[in-house]
Amino acid sequence: MAFGHWIDERASAAVLEQALDRGINLVDTADVYGTGMDNGEIAQLGESENILGNLLQGRRHDILLATKLHNRMGAGINDQGQSRYHIYRALENSLKRLRTDYIDLYQVHRFDESTPLEETLETLTDLVKAGKIRYIGCSNYAAWQLAKAHGVSALHGLRRFETVQPEYSLITRDIERELIPYTQSEQVGVIVYSPLGRGILSGKYRPGEAPPSDSRLAAGEQRLQLLLNQRHALGMVEGIRPLAAARGWSLPQFALNWVLSRPGITSAILGASKPEHITETLAYAGERLTEVELQEIDRLALELQQ
């Protein structure tokens, strides 16, 4: 999401090169990502896909490419959502921006209350059969929404959502109640975003101090501010400091490894905006936390909620 949104193509190239060199092979984007997300300029939506389309030439088959649809991409009444009309149009536009003839994982960005799931899933199934999509997934779905979609797919013989993309971190753990048990039962991949708590778990934000000038908080990201306003957020940062120090890890390294150590998690998306974010955070990505460490974090989380 940083590509074209917070950083330009040159800076994006440096981040992508570092990621591919370190063995990352899943690149996730969305048609809506770009500066237009902030200023409302429709012409500036899709910048992330445009940048990736340029940078992945000659390397397309080295990665799994994932993108998403749903959000408004034009002024017309049908320029959003998951109707058959919009899915066909959104996919063709994404393929053009990404300069590819297929998408490995095509995801609906959120639940669409206005379109029957039968229509959405039938359209996506047709596109899989046409070779334009390999797999389909969903993002920001509750457990009941994913279960309903799977029921529709089973009833009508349609492709099912093979992955779900929720927010998950040490300070955002709602999916543990219902979504993770369901995905484990049904063997659905879980590709989480914001594993560093929108940057809070990097330790860059401290009570009573102004945020770094180049941070997302300084840029006015509202969802980050709302998360910071929750008392447990900064409390968790301070709570994991000694645990990270005991391993000789930085806070981002510890926060990412906690996510990857949790049951049911398939992958975690790093919204990196600098090459060093990739280098540092992945330094110990192959290791996992011990059961004792996981229990200590659960105890800390319970204390912070009281």
C-alpha atoms as a PDB file:
ATOM      1  CA  MET A   1       0.000   0.000   0.000  1.00  0.00           C
ATOM      2  CA  ALA A   2       2.981   2.298   0.447  1.00  0.00           C
ATOM      3  CA  PHE A   3       3.805   2.190  -3.273  1.00  0.00           C
ATOM      4  CA  GLY A   4       2.429   5.337  -4.885  1.00  0.00           C
ATOM      5  CA  HIS A   5       0.691   6.229  -1.626  1.00  0.00           C
ATOM      6  CA  TRP A   6       3.595   7.220   0.600  1.00  0.00           C
ATOM      7  CA  ILE A   7       6.600   6.591  -1.656  1.00  0.00           C
ATOM      8  CA  ASP A   8       7.290   7.139  -5.353  1.00  0.00           C
ATOM      9  CA  GLU A   9       8.369   4.587  -7.957  1.00  0.00           C
ATOM     10  CA  ARG A  10      12.084   5.003  -7.312  1.00  0.00           C
ATOM     11  CA  ALA A  11      11.717   4.376  -3.582  1.00  0.00           C
ATOM     12  CA  SER A  12       9.276   1.547  -4.288  1.00  0.00           C
ATOM     13  CA  ALA A  13      11.853  -0.111  -6.547  1.00  0.00           C
ATOM     14  CA  ALA A  14      14.402  -0.160  -3.730  1.00  0.00           C
ATOM     15  CA  VAL A  15      11.885  -1.746  -1.327  1.00  0.00           C
ATOM     16  CA  LEU A  16      10.748  -4.347  -3.860  1.00  0.00           C
ATOM     17  CA  GLU A  17      14.314  -5.269  -4.809  1.00  0.00           C
ATOM     18  CA  GLN A  18      15.225  -5.837  -1.176  1.00  0.00           C
ATOM     19  CA  ALA A  19      12.088  -7.916  -0.616  1.00  0.00           C
ATOM     20  CA  LEU A  20      12.692 -10.168  -3.615  1.00  0.00           C
ATOM     21  CA  ASP A  21      16.375 -10.547  -2.729  1.00  0.00           C
ATOM     22  CA  ARG A  22      15.381 -11.672   0.789  1.00  0.00           C
ATOM     23  CA  GLY A  23      13.117 -14.398  -0.571  1.00  0.00           C
ATOM     24  CA  ILE A  24       9.708 -12.748  -0.294  1.00  0.00           C
ATOM     25  CA  ASN A  25       7.549 -14.212  -3.051  1.00  0.00           C
ATOM     26  CA  LEU A  26       4.070 -12.795  -2.351  1.00  0.00           C
ATOM     27  CA  VAL A  27       3.296  -9.224  -3.389  1.00  0.00           C
ATOM     28  CA  ASP A  28      -0.098  -7.913  -2.295  1.00  0.00           C
ATOM     29  CA  THR A  29      -1.718  -4.741  -3.578  1.00  0.00           C
ATOM     30  CA  ALA A  30      -5.189  -3.377  -4.466  1.00  0.00           C
ATOM     31  CA  ASP A  31      -6.704  -1.364  -7.266  1.00  0.00           C
ATOM     32  CA  VAL A  32      -7.528   1.501  -4.888  1.00  0.00           C
ATOM     33  CA  TYR A  33      -4.005   2.000  -3.462  1.00  0.00           C
ATOM     34  CA  GLY A  34      -2.528   5.393  -4.343  1.00  0.00           C
ATOM     35  CA  THR A  35      -2.506   9.028  -3.257  1.00  0.00           C
ATOM     36  CA  GLY A  36      -6.143   9.217  -4.306  1.00  0.00           C
ATOM     37  CA  MET A  37      -6.982   7.327  -1.109  1.00  0.00           C
ATOM     38  CA  ASP A  38      -6.177  10.521   0.792  1.00  0.00           C
ATOM     39  CA  ASN A  39      -7.126  13.357  -1.534  1.00  0.00           C
ATOM     40  CA  GLY A  40     -10.147  11.789  -3.202  1.00  0.00           C
ATOM     41  CA  GLU A  41      -8.721  12.185  -6.706  1.00  0.00           C
ATOM     42  CA  ILE A  42      -9.949   9.195  -8.706  1.00  0.00           C
ATOM     43  CA  ALA A  43      -7.203   9.702 -11.290  1.00  0.00           C
ATOM     44  CA  GLN A  44      -4.615   9.016  -8.555  1.00  0.00           C
ATOM     45  CA  LEU A  45      -6.065   5.655  -7.568  1.00  0.00           C
ATOM     46  CA  GLY A  46      -4.272   2.602  -8.912  1.00  0.00           C
ATOM     47  CA  GLU A  47      -0.768   4.058  -8.521  1.00  0.00           C
ATOM     48  CA  SER A  48       0.456   1.033  -6.598  1.00  0.00           C
ATOM     49  CA  GLU A  49      -0.595  -1.322  -9.392  1.00  0.00           C
ATOM     50  CA  ASN A  50       0.962   0.965 -12.017  1.00  0.00           C
ATOM     51  CA  ILE A  51       4.282   1.015 -10.154  1.00  0.00           C
ATOM     52  CA  LEU A  52       4.298  -2.746  -9.670  1.00  0.00           C
ATOM     53  CA  GLY A  53       3.445  -3.253 -13.316  1.00  0.00           C
ATOM     54  CA  ASN A  54       6.568  -1.322 -14.263  1.00  0.00           C
ATOM     55  CA  LEU A  55       8.853  -2.898 -11.677  1.00  0.00           C
ATOM     56  CA  LEU A  56       7.835  -6.520 -12.205  1.00  0.00           C
ATOM     57  CA  GLN A  57       8.620  -6.671 -15.907  1.00  0.00           C
ATOM     58  CA  GLY A  58      10.889  -9.669 -16.417  1.00  0.00           C
ATOM     59  CA  ARG A  59      10.225 -10.865 -12.846  1.00  0.00           C
ATOM     60  CA  ARG A  60       6.479 -11.513 -12.929  1.00  0.00           C
ATOM     61  CA  HIS A  61       6.868 -15.286 -12.680  1.00  0.00           C
ATOM     62  CA  ASP A  62       9.173 -14.998  -9.643  1.00  0.00           C
ATOM     63  CA  ILE A  63       6.263 -14.032  -7.420  1.00  0.00           C
ATOM     64  CA  LEU A  64       2.681 -14.704  -6.485  1.00  0.00           C
ATOM     65  CA  LEU A  65       0.815 -11.504  -7.344  1.00  0.00           C
ATOM     66  CA  ALA A  66      -2.274 -10.616  -5.336  1.00  0.00           C
ATOM     67  CA  THR A  67      -4.599  -7.672  -5.766  1.00  0.00           C
ATOM     68  CA  LYS A  68      -8.068  -6.657  -4.604  1.00  0.00           C
ATOM     69  CA  LEU A  69     -11.259  -4.994  -5.812  1.00  0.00           C
ATOM     70  CA  HIS A  70     -14.360  -3.422  -4.291  1.00  0.00           C
ATOM     71  CA  ASN A  71     -13.680   0.244  -3.560  1.00  0.00           C
ATOM     72  CA  ARG A  72     -14.851   3.144  -5.703  1.00  0.00           C
ATOM     73  CA  MET A  73     -12.645   3.572  -8.765  1.00  0.00           C
ATOM     74  CA  GLY A  74     -14.741   6.071 -10.724  1.00  0.00           C
ATOM     75  CA  ALA A  75     -17.678   8.442 -10.519  1.00  0.00           C
ATOM     76  CA  GLY A  76     -20.240   6.053 -12.017  1.00  0.00           C
ATOM     77  CA  ILE A  77     -22.811   4.163  -9.988  1.00  0.00           C
ATOM     78  CA  ASN A  78     -21.247   0.827 -11.018  1.00  0.00           C
ATOM     79  CA  ASP A  79     -17.632   1.861 -10.388  1.00  0.00           C
ATOM     80  CA  GLN A  80     -17.513   0.046  -7.059  1.00  0.00           C
ATOM     81  CA  GLY A  81     -18.691  -3.133  -5.367  1.00  0.00           C
ATOM     82  CA  GLN A  82     -18.745  -6.733  -6.519  1.00  0.00           C
ATOM     83  CA  SER A  83     -21.372  -6.892  -9.230  1.00  0.00           C
ATOM     84  CA  ARG A  84     -20.570  -8.878 -12.375  1.00  0.00           C
ATOM     85  CA  TYR A  85     -20.279  -5.607 -14.264  1.00  0.00           C
ATOM     86  CA  HIS A  86     -17.744  -4.076 -11.881  1.00  0.00           C
ATOM     87  CA  ILE A  87     -15.671  -7.230 -11.340  1.00  0.00           C
ATOM     88  CA  TYR A  88     -15.055  -7.615 -15.082  1.00  0.00           C
ATOM     89  CA  ARG A  89     -14.165  -3.956 -15.445  1.00  0.00           C
ATOM     90  CA  ALA A  90     -12.007  -3.855 -12.292  1.00  0.00           C
ATOM     91  CA  LEU A  91     -10.042  -6.947 -13.281  1.00  0.00           C
ATOM     92  CA  GLU A  92      -9.342  -5.727 -16.807  1.00  0.00           C
ATOM     93  CA  ASN A  93      -8.110  -2.395 -15.440  1.00  0.00           C
ATOM     94  CA  SER A  94      -5.909  -4.121 -12.847  1.00  0.00           C
ATOM     95  CA  LEU A  95      -4.418  -6.384 -15.516  1.00  0.00           C
ATOM     96  CA  LYS A  96      -3.570  -3.337 -17.628  1.00  0.00           C
ATOM     97  CA  ARG A  97      -1.987  -1.456 -14.725  1.00  0.00           C
ATOM     98  CA  LEU A  98      -0.047  -4.509 -13.558  1.00  0.00           C
ATOM     99  CA  ARG A  99       0.974  -5.329 -17.149  1.00  0.00           C
ATOM    100  CA  THR A 100       0.133  -8.998 -16.770  1.00  0.00           C
ATOM    101  CA  ASP A 101      -2.414 -11.379 -18.253  1.00  0.00           C
ATOM    102  CA  TYR A 102      -3.385 -13.113 -15.003  1.00  0.00           C
ATOM    103  CA  ILE A 103      -3.641 -12.569 -11.254  1.00  0.00           C
ATOM    104  CA  ASP A 104      -2.477 -15.321  -8.893  1.00  0.00           C
ATOM    105  CA  LEU A 105      -4.814 -14.315  -6.047  1.00  0.00           C
ATOM    106  CA  TYR A 106      -7.779 -12.017  -6.690  1.00  0.00           C
ATOM    107  CA  GLN A 107      -9.466 -10.841  -3.499  1.00  0.00           C
ATOM    108  CA  VAL A 108     -12.647  -8.959  -2.669  1.00  0.00           C
ATOM    109  CA  HIS A 109     -11.570  -6.134  -0.395  1.00  0.00           C
ATOM    110  CA  ARG A 110     -14.510  -6.360   2.002  1.00  0.00           C
ATOM    111  CA  PHE A 111     -17.990  -7.816   2.322  1.00  0.00           C
ATOM    112  CA  ASP A 112     -20.488  -6.375  -0.163  1.00  0.00           C
ATOM    113  CA  GLU A 113     -23.959  -6.071   1.357  1.00  0.00           C
ATOM    114  CA  SER A 114     -25.411  -4.794  -1.944  1.00  0.00           C
ATOM    115  CA  THR A 115     -24.528  -7.724  -4.220  1.00  0.00           C
ATOM    116  CA  PRO A 116     -25.647 -11.352  -3.829  1.00  0.00           C
ATOM    117  CA  LEU A 117     -22.723 -13.627  -3.057  1.00  0.00           C
ATOM    118  CA  GLU A 118     -23.976 -15.936  -5.807  1.00  0.00           C
ATOM    119  CA  GLU A 119     -23.336 -13.233  -8.408  1.00  0.00           C
ATOM    120  CA  THR A 120     -19.885 -12.376  -7.084  1.00  0.00           C
ATOM    121  CA  LEU A 121     -18.708 -15.974  -6.754  1.00  0.00           C
ATOM    122  CA  GLU A 122     -20.165 -17.044 -10.111  1.00  0.00           C
ATOM    123  CA  THR A 123     -18.329 -14.177 -11.828  1.00  0.00           C
ATOM    124  CA  LEU A 124     -15.037 -14.980 -10.093  1.00  0.00           C
ATOM    125  CA  THR A 125     -15.456 -18.656 -11.001  1.00  0.00           C
ATOM    126  CA  ASP A 126     -15.934 -17.732 -14.659  1.00  0.00           C
ATOM    127  CA  LEU A 127     -12.722 -15.677 -14.549  1.00  0.00           C
ATOM    128  CA  VAL A 128     -10.806 -18.578 -13.011  1.00  0.00           C
ATOM    129  CA  LYS A 129     -12.044 -20.827 -15.812  1.00  0.00           C
ATOM    130  CA  ALA A 130     -10.997 -18.166 -18.338  1.00  0.00           C
ATOM    131  CA  GLY A 131      -7.440 -18.263 -16.950  1.00  0.00           C
ATOM    132  CA  LYS A 132      -7.398 -14.658 -15.782  1.00  0.00           C
ATOM    133  CA  ILE A 133      -7.355 -15.613 -12.097  1.00  0.00           C
ATOM    134  CA  ARG A 134      -5.660 -18.566 -10.390  1.00  0.00           C
ATOM    135  CA  TYR A 135      -7.285 -18.400  -6.939  1.00  0.00           C
ATOM    136  CA  ILE A 136      -9.827 -16.182  -5.180  1.00  0.00           C
ATOM    137  CA  GLY A 137      -9.782 -14.784  -1.670  1.00  0.00           C
ATOM    138  CA  CYS A 138     -11.427 -12.211   0.573  1.00  0.00           C
ATOM    139  CA  SER A 139     -10.248  -9.449   2.865  1.00  0.00           C
ATOM    140  CA  ASN A 140     -11.737  -7.998   6.052  1.00  0.00           C
ATOM    141  CA  TYR A 141     -14.360 -10.770   6.298  1.00  0.00           C
ATOM    142  CA  ALA A 142     -15.894 -11.878   9.572  1.00  0.00           C
ATOM    143  CA  ALA A 143     -16.089 -15.608  10.224  1.00  0.00           C
ATOM    144  CA  TRP A 144     -19.826 -15.747   9.476  1.00  0.00           C
ATOM    145  CA  GLN A 145     -19.323 -13.921   6.169  1.00  0.00           C
ATOM    146  CA  LEU A 146     -16.625 -16.360   5.072  1.00  0.00           C
ATOM    147  CA  ALA A 147     -18.748 -19.323   6.182  1.00  0.00           C
ATOM    148  CA  LYS A 148     -21.728 -17.980   4.228  1.00  0.00           C
ATOM    149  CA  ALA A 149     -19.571 -17.536   1.115  1.00  0.00           C
ATOM    150  CA  HIS A 150     -18.250 -21.084   1.448  1.00  0.00           C
ATOM    151  CA  GLY A 151     -21.809 -22.349   1.768  1.00  0.00           C
ATOM    152  CA  VAL A 152     -22.818 -20.566  -1.437  1.00  0.00           C
ATOM    153  CA  SER A 153     -19.809 -22.001  -3.247  1.00  0.00           C
ATOM    154  CA  ALA A 154     -20.578 -25.538  -2.084  1.00  0.00           C
ATOM    155  CA  LEU A 155     -24.283 -25.242  -2.924  1.00  0.00           C
ATOM    156  CA  HIS A 156     -23.719 -23.998  -6.471  1.00  0.00           C
ATOM    157  CA  GLY A 157     -20.443 -25.732  -7.346  1.00  0.00           C
ATOM    158  CA  LEU A 158     -18.467 -22.457  -7.463  1.00  0.00           C
ATOM    159  CA  ARG A 159     -14.862 -21.668  -6.572  1.00  0.00           C
ATOM    160  CA  ARG A 160     -14.457 -20.842  -2.900  1.00  0.00           C
ATOM    161  CA  PHE A 161     -12.413 -18.198  -1.135  1.00  0.00           C
ATOM    162  CA  GLU A 162      -9.120 -19.958  -0.398  1.00  0.00           C
ATOM    163  CA  THR A 163      -7.652 -17.112   1.666  1.00  0.00           C
ATOM    164  CA  VAL A 164      -8.783 -14.360   3.987  1.00  0.00           C
ATOM    165  CA  GLN A 165      -6.838 -11.177   4.754  1.00  0.00           C
ATOM    166  CA  PRO A 166      -7.579  -9.700   8.210  1.00  0.00           C
ATOM    167  CA  GLU A 167      -5.729  -7.237  10.420  1.00  0.00           C
ATOM    168  CA  TYR A 168      -3.753  -8.993  13.154  1.00  0.00           C
ATOM    169  CA  SER A 169      -1.017  -8.019  15.587  1.00  0.00           C
ATOM    170  CA  LEU A 170      -0.127  -8.053  19.260  1.00  0.00           C
ATOM    171  CA  ILE A 171      -2.610  -5.210  19.765  1.00  0.00           C
ATOM    172  CA  THR A 172      -5.366  -6.318  17.354  1.00  0.00           C
ATOM    173  CA  ARG A 173      -6.369  -9.908  18.123  1.00  0.00           C
ATOM    174  CA  ASP A 174     -10.107 -10.028  17.410  1.00  0.00           C
ATOM    175  CA  ILE A 175      -9.744 -12.754  14.765  1.00  0.00           C
ATOM    176  CA  GLU A 176      -8.681 -15.293  17.378  1.00  0.00           C
ATOM    177  CA  ARG A 177     -12.261 -15.634  18.659  1.00  0.00           C
ATOM    178  CA  GLU A 178     -14.011 -16.991  15.568  1.00  0.00           C
ATOM    179  CA  LEU A 179     -12.140 -16.403  12.313  1.00  0.00           C
ATOM    180  CA  ILE A 180      -8.971 -18.374  13.110  1.00  0.00           C
ATOM    181  CA  PRO A 181     -10.843 -21.425  14.466  1.00  0.00           C
ATOM    182  CA  TYR A 182     -12.973 -21.424  11.306  1.00  0.00           C
ATOM    183  CA  THR A 183     -10.040 -21.073   8.903  1.00  0.00           C
ATOM    184  CA  GLN A 184      -8.175 -23.850  10.679  1.00  0.00           C
ATOM    185  CA  SER A 185     -11.224 -26.094  10.422  1.00  0.00           C
ATOM    186  CA  GLU A 186     -11.727 -25.363   6.718  1.00  0.00           C
ATOM    187  CA  GLN A 187      -8.047 -25.103   5.715  1.00  0.00           C
ATOM    188  CA  VAL A 188      -8.242 -21.493   4.572  1.00  0.00           C
ATOM    189  CA  GLY A 189      -5.046 -19.474   4.243  1.00  0.00           C
ATOM    190  CA  VAL A 190      -4.763 -16.448   6.552  1.00  0.00           C
ATOM    191  CA  ILE A 191      -2.666 -13.596   5.138  1.00  0.00           C
ATOM    192  CA  VAL A 192      -2.626 -10.916   7.828  1.00  0.00           C
ATOM    193  CA  TYR A 193      -1.909  -7.227   7.373  1.00  0.00           C
ATOM    194  CA  SER A 194      -0.481  -4.674   9.825  1.00  0.00           C
ATOM    195  CA  PRO A 195       1.509  -7.244  11.863  1.00  0.00           C
ATOM    196  CA  LEU A 196       3.395  -4.315  13.425  1.00  0.00           C
ATOM    197  CA  GLY A 197       0.179  -2.648  14.564  1.00  0.00           C
ATOM    198  CA  ARG A 198       0.331   0.085  11.900  1.00  0.00           C
ATOM    199  CA  GLY A 199       3.854   0.873  13.095  1.00  0.00           C
ATOM    200  CA  ILE A 200       3.006   1.208  16.785  1.00  0.00           C
ATOM    201  CA  LEU A 201       4.921  -1.963  17.661  1.00  0.00           C
ATOM    202  CA  SER A 202       8.089  -0.523  16.142  1.00  0.00           C
ATOM    203  CA  GLY A 203       8.325   1.676  19.245  1.00  0.00           C
ATOM    204  CA  LYS A 204       8.426   4.920  17.247  1.00  0.00           C
ATOM    205  CA  TYR A 205       5.486   6.448  19.136  1.00  0.00           C
ATOM    206  CA  ARG A 206       5.895   7.450  22.783  1.00  0.00           C
ATOM    207  CA  PRO A 207       3.445   9.070  25.227  1.00  0.00           C
ATOM    208  CA  GLY A 208       3.797  12.856  25.374  1.00  0.00           C
ATOM    209  CA  GLU A 209       6.184  13.019  22.405  1.00  0.00           C
ATOM    210  CA  ALA A 210       5.506  14.304  18.909  1.00  0.00           C
ATOM    211  CA  PRO A 211       5.519  11.540  16.271  1.00  0.00           C
ATOM    212  CA  PRO A 212       8.439  11.342  13.838  1.00  0.00           C
ATOM    213  CA  SER A 213       7.939  13.821  11.004  1.00  0.00           C
ATOM    214  CA  ASP A 214       8.038  11.090   8.351  1.00  0.00           C
ATOM    215  CA  SER A 215       5.603   8.776  10.150  1.00  0.00           C
ATOM    216  CA  ARG A 216       2.070   7.798   9.180  1.00  0.00           C
ATOM    217  CA  LEU A 217       0.779   9.398  12.390  1.00  0.00           C
ATOM    218  CA  ALA A 218       2.345  12.730  11.452  1.00  0.00           C
ATOM    219  CA  ALA A 219       0.645  12.390   8.062  1.00  0.00           C
ATOM    220  CA  GLY A 220      -2.682  12.139   9.868  1.00  0.00           C
ATOM    221  CA  GLU A 221      -3.704   8.485   9.444  1.00  0.00           C
ATOM    222  CA  GLN A 222      -6.959   8.242  11.378  1.00  0.00           C
ATOM    223  CA  ARG A 223      -7.050   4.459  11.860  1.00  0.00           C
ATOM    224  CA  LEU A 224      -3.581   4.611  13.403  1.00  0.00           C
ATOM    225  CA  GLN A 225      -4.659   7.401  15.749  1.00  0.00           C
ATOM    226  CA  LEU A 226      -7.708   5.427  16.846  1.00  0.00           C
ATOM    227  CA  LEU A 227      -5.527   2.419  17.627  1.00  0.00           C
ATOM    228  CA  LEU A 228      -3.071   4.553  19.585  1.00  0.00           C
ATOM    229  CA  ASN A 229      -5.937   5.965  21.645  1.00  0.00           C
ATOM    230  CA  GLN A 230      -6.554   2.498  23.062  1.00  0.00           C
ATOM    231  CA  ARG A 231      -4.781   2.231  26.406  1.00  0.00           C
ATOM    232  CA  HIS A 232      -3.401  -1.240  25.782  1.00  0.00           C
ATOM    233  CA  ALA A 233      -1.513  -0.303  22.590  1.00  0.00           C
ATOM    234  CA  LEU A 234       1.465   1.518  24.067  1.00  0.00           C
ATOM    235  CA  GLY A 235       1.258  -0.687  27.126  1.00  0.00           C
ATOM    236  CA  MET A 236       1.925  -3.710  24.933  1.00  0.00           C
ATOM    237  CA  VAL A 237       4.927  -1.954  23.378  1.00  0.00           C
ATOM    238  CA  GLU A 238       6.481  -1.430  26.804  1.00  0.00           C
ATOM    239  CA  GLY A 239       5.531  -4.940  27.879  1.00  0.00           C
ATOM    240  CA  ILE A 240       7.385  -6.675  25.052  1.00  0.00           C
ATOM    241  CA  ARG A 241      10.539  -4.557  25.330  1.00  0.00           C
ATOM    242  CA  PRO A 242      12.213  -6.852  27.889  1.00  0.00           C
ATOM    243  CA  LEU A 243      11.126  -9.967  25.976  1.00  0.00           C
ATOM    244  CA  ALA A 244      12.619  -8.631  22.755  1.00  0.00           C
ATOM    245  CA  ALA A 245      15.785  -7.506  24.566  1.00  0.00           C
ATOM    246  CA  ALA A 246      16.229 -10.958  26.095  1.00  0.00           C
ATOM    247  CA  ARG A 247      16.501 -12.372  22.567  1.00  0.00           C
ATOM    248  CA  GLY A 248      18.608  -9.506  21.290  1.00  0.00           C
ATOM    249  CA  TRP A 249      15.828  -8.557  18.849  1.00  0.00           C
ATOM    250  CA  SER A 250      14.307  -5.228  17.923  1.00  0.00           C
ATOM    251  CA  LEU A 251      10.630  -4.573  18.638  1.00  0.00           C
ATOM    252  CA  PRO A 252       9.571  -5.038  14.975  1.00  0.00           C
ATOM    253  CA  GLN A 253      11.437  -8.350  14.798  1.00  0.00           C
ATOM    254  CA  PHE A 254       9.704  -9.584  17.933  1.00  0.00           C
ATOM    255  CA  ALA A 255       6.251  -8.363  16.853  1.00  0.00           C
ATOM    256  CA  LEU A 256       6.482 -10.048  13.438  1.00  0.00           C
ATOM    257  CA  ASN A 257       7.758 -13.318  14.902  1.00  0.00           C
ATOM    258  CA  TRP A 258       4.896 -13.346  17.398  1.00  0.00           C
ATOM    259  CA  VAL A 259       2.421 -13.181  14.499  1.00  0.00           C
ATOM    260  CA  LEU A 260       4.214 -15.938  12.579  1.00  0.00           C
ATOM    261  CA  SER A 261       4.351 -18.070  15.728  1.00  0.00           C
ATOM    262  CA  ARG A 262       0.582 -18.016  16.168  1.00  0.00           C
ATOM    263  CA  PRO A 263      -1.495 -21.026  15.056  1.00  0.00           C
ATOM    264  CA  GLY A 264      -3.363 -20.713  11.790  1.00  0.00           C
ATOM    265  CA  ILE A 265      -1.336 -17.837  10.316  1.00  0.00           C
ATOM    266  CA  THR A 266      -0.117 -18.470   6.767  1.00  0.00           C
ATOM    267  CA  SER A 267       1.690 -15.237   5.976  1.00  0.00           C
ATOM    268  CA  ALA A 268       2.117 -11.638   7.147  1.00  0.00           C
ATOM    269  CA  ILE A 269       2.216  -8.569   4.928  1.00  0.00           C
ATOM    270  CA  LEU A 270       4.924  -6.000   5.599  1.00  0.00           C
ATOM    271  CA  GLY A 271       3.820  -2.533   4.495  1.00  0.00           C
ATOM    272  CA  ALA A 272       7.435  -1.430   4.127  1.00  0.00           C
ATOM    273  CA  SER A 273       8.331   2.040   2.850  1.00  0.00           C
ATOM    274  CA  LYS A 274      12.121   1.724   3.174  1.00  0.00           C
ATOM    275  CA  PRO A 275      14.520  -1.112   2.213  1.00  0.00           C
ATOM    276  CA  GLU A 276      15.862  -1.245   5.771  1.00  0.00           C
ATOM    277  CA  HIS A 277      12.363  -2.099   7.015  1.00  0.00           C
ATOM    278  CA  ILE A 278      12.653  -5.355   5.065  1.00  0.00           C
ATOM    279  CA  THR A 279      16.238  -6.074   6.091  1.00  0.00           C
ATOM    280  CA  GLU A 280      15.717  -5.499   9.797  1.00  0.00           C
ATOM    281  CA  THR A 281      12.302  -7.037  10.273  1.00  0.00           C
ATOM    282  CA  LEU A 282      13.138 -10.263   8.444  1.00  0.00           C
ATOM    283  CA  ALA A 283      16.448 -10.852  10.234  1.00  0.00           C
ATOM    284  CA  TYR A 284      14.963 -13.595  12.453  1.00  0.00           C
ATOM    285  CA  ALA A 285      11.819 -14.446  10.454  1.00  0.00           C
ATOM    286  CA  GLY A 286      12.730 -18.131  10.402  1.00  0.00           C
ATOM    287  CA  GLU A 287      12.624 -18.432  14.189  1.00  0.00           C
ATOM    288  CA  ARG A 288       9.569 -18.898  16.399  1.00  0.00           C
ATOM    289  CA  LEU A 289       8.726 -17.834  19.929  1.00  0.00           C
ATOM    290  CA  THR A 290       8.609 -20.417  22.687  1.00  0.00           C
ATOM    291  CA  GLU A 291       5.446 -21.500  24.448  1.00  0.00           C
ATOM    292  CA  VAL A 292       6.680 -19.714  27.581  1.00  0.00           C
ATOM    293  CA  GLU A 293       7.054 -16.436  25.667  1.00  0.00           C
ATOM    294  CA  LEU A 294       3.622 -16.807  24.082  1.00  0.00           C
ATOM    295  CA  GLN A 295       2.056 -17.425  27.493  1.00  0.00           C
ATOM    296  CA  GLU A 296       3.817 -14.387  28.937  1.00  0.00           C
ATOM    297  CA  ILE A 297       2.384 -12.199  26.177  1.00  0.00           C
ATOM    298  CA  ASP A 298      -1.109 -13.592  26.757  1.00  0.00           C
ATOM    299  CA  ARG A 299      -0.757 -12.775  30.452  1.00  0.00           C
ATOM    300  CA  LEU A 300       0.360  -9.241  29.616  1.00  0.00           C
ATOM    301  CA  ALA A 301      -2.548  -8.773  27.191  1.00  0.00           C
ATOM    302  CA  LEU A 302      -5.018  -9.876  29.865  1.00  0.00           C
ATOM    303  CA  GLU A 303      -3.569  -7.402  32.375  1.00  0.00           C
ATOM    304  CA  LEU A 304      -3.766  -4.526  29.911  1.00  0.00           C
ATOM    305  CA  GLN A 305      -7.424  -5.219  29.198  1.00  0.00           C
ATOM    306  CA  GLN A 306      -8.416  -4.997  32.861  1.00  0.00           C
END
